[in-house]
Every structure is written in C-alpha cells, then in structure tokens.
Protein backbone atom coordinates (compact mmCIF):
# COMPACT_ATOMS: atom_id res chain seq x y z
CA MET A 1 86.87 -53.45 91.84
CA SER A 2 83.42 -52.33 90.71
CA GLY A 3 80.10 -52.28 92.62
CA SER A 4 78.52 -55.35 90.39
CA ALA A 5 81.79 -57.42 91.27
CA VAL A 6 81.30 -56.95 94.44
CA ASP A 7 77.86 -57.88 93.94
CA GLU A 8 78.67 -61.23 92.61
CA LEU A 9 81.14 -62.07 95.62
CA ALA A 10 78.58 -61.21 97.67
CA ARG A 11 75.82 -63.62 95.84
CA GLN A 12 78.52 -66.82 96.01
CA LEU A 13 79.53 -65.94 99.75
CA ARG A 14 75.86 -66.27 100.69
CA ALA A 15 75.11 -69.32 98.51
CA ASP A 16 77.93 -70.81 99.94
CA TYR A 17 77.03 -69.98 103.03
CA ASP A 18 73.57 -71.00 102.56
CA ALA A 19 74.62 -74.35 101.27
CA ALA A 20 76.99 -75.02 103.89
CA PRO A 21 75.77 -77.92 106.60
CA ARG A 22 74.94 -76.77 109.88
CA GLY A 23 77.68 -76.37 111.97
CA ARG A 24 80.39 -75.61 108.90
CA GLN A 25 79.07 -72.14 107.85
CA ALA A 26 82.23 -70.35 109.46
CA ALA A 27 84.28 -73.37 107.02
CA SER A 28 82.28 -72.32 104.27
CA ILE A 29 83.41 -68.44 104.76
CA HIS A 30 87.33 -69.50 105.05
CA LEU A 31 86.61 -71.58 101.67
CA PHE A 32 85.32 -68.53 99.82
CA GLY A 33 88.49 -66.64 101.10
CA ILE A 34 90.30 -69.53 100.00
CA ARG A 35 88.48 -69.98 96.38
CA HIS A 36 88.32 -66.12 95.57
CA ALA A 37 91.28 -65.00 97.39
CA GLN A 38 92.74 -63.43 94.02
CA ALA A 39 89.45 -61.41 93.44
CA LEU A 40 89.09 -60.21 96.77
CA ARG A 41 92.65 -58.49 97.01
CA GLY A 42 92.15 -54.92 97.82
CA VAL A 43 88.47 -55.25 98.01
CA SER A 44 86.68 -54.71 101.70
CA LYS A 45 85.91 -57.90 102.88
CA SER A 46 83.53 -56.26 105.63
CA ALA A 47 81.63 -54.93 102.18
CA VAL A 48 81.25 -58.29 100.86
CA ALA A 49 79.87 -59.74 103.99
CA GLU A 50 77.35 -56.71 104.48
CA ARG A 51 76.11 -57.11 101.07
CA ALA A 52 75.60 -60.97 101.26
CA GLY A 53 73.43 -60.17 104.53
CA LEU A 54 75.86 -61.11 107.06
CA PRO A 55 77.67 -59.57 109.81
CA LYS A 56 80.35 -57.09 108.80
CA SER A 57 82.20 -58.85 111.25
CA TYR A 58 82.30 -62.03 108.93
CA GLY A 59 85.12 -59.76 106.95
CA THR A 60 87.33 -61.08 108.99
CA GLU A 61 86.72 -64.93 108.79
CA ILE A 62 86.99 -64.06 104.96
CA ASN A 63 90.43 -62.53 105.38
CA LYS A 64 91.38 -65.42 106.97
CA GLY A 65 90.61 -67.22 103.83
CA VAL A 66 92.47 -65.23 101.98
CA GLN A 67 95.18 -65.37 103.79
CA LEU A 68 95.16 -69.32 104.23
CA SER A 69 95.13 -69.17 100.16
CA GLU A 70 98.76 -68.68 100.08
CA TYR A 71 99.37 -72.06 101.84
CA VAL A 72 96.36 -74.48 101.37
CA ALA A 73 94.61 -76.14 98.61
CA ILE A 74 91.30 -77.17 97.97
CA THR A 75 90.99 -80.94 98.00
CA LYS A 76 87.58 -81.59 98.93
CA PRO A 77 84.52 -79.37 98.57
CA LEU A 78 82.06 -78.74 102.29
CA VAL A 79 79.23 -80.01 100.85
C-alpha cells in the first residue's frame, strides 16, 4: 500500500478518535479496524496509529477490529 493510502487511513483514524465521545475512544479504534479491514490488510497497524499521532501500541487495538470484521457488522454509529 502506498504511503499516501496509509496517510489517508491515519487521517481517518485520527478523525474517528477525536470525534468519539469521552470514554469511547477505544471503541472508535476497534470500529475503525472493522470498517477499514480490507484496506488495512497487509498494512502495519502500528504505523497507521503512529501517523495518526496515537501511541504505536494502538495498532493492537486496530488489529482487534480487523479480526472482528469477519464476524460482526456495524449496525449503529458511535457518535
């Protein structure tokens, strides 16, 4: 995936995180992983988190969402 595509994912992650209600930021990261699972396959989730200005360790949370995407569907927006 190109650097610009990773940058776009990072921008979207940051926007989702910033828009999340207080106490729901972790859920927003999981939902991001679910919503963008296809685009995130083969991409360093830690790099996306870092480019979004979030801790590198949040890549683990993004990956949880990607893994959940095979089993769940988003039925209600977080905000």
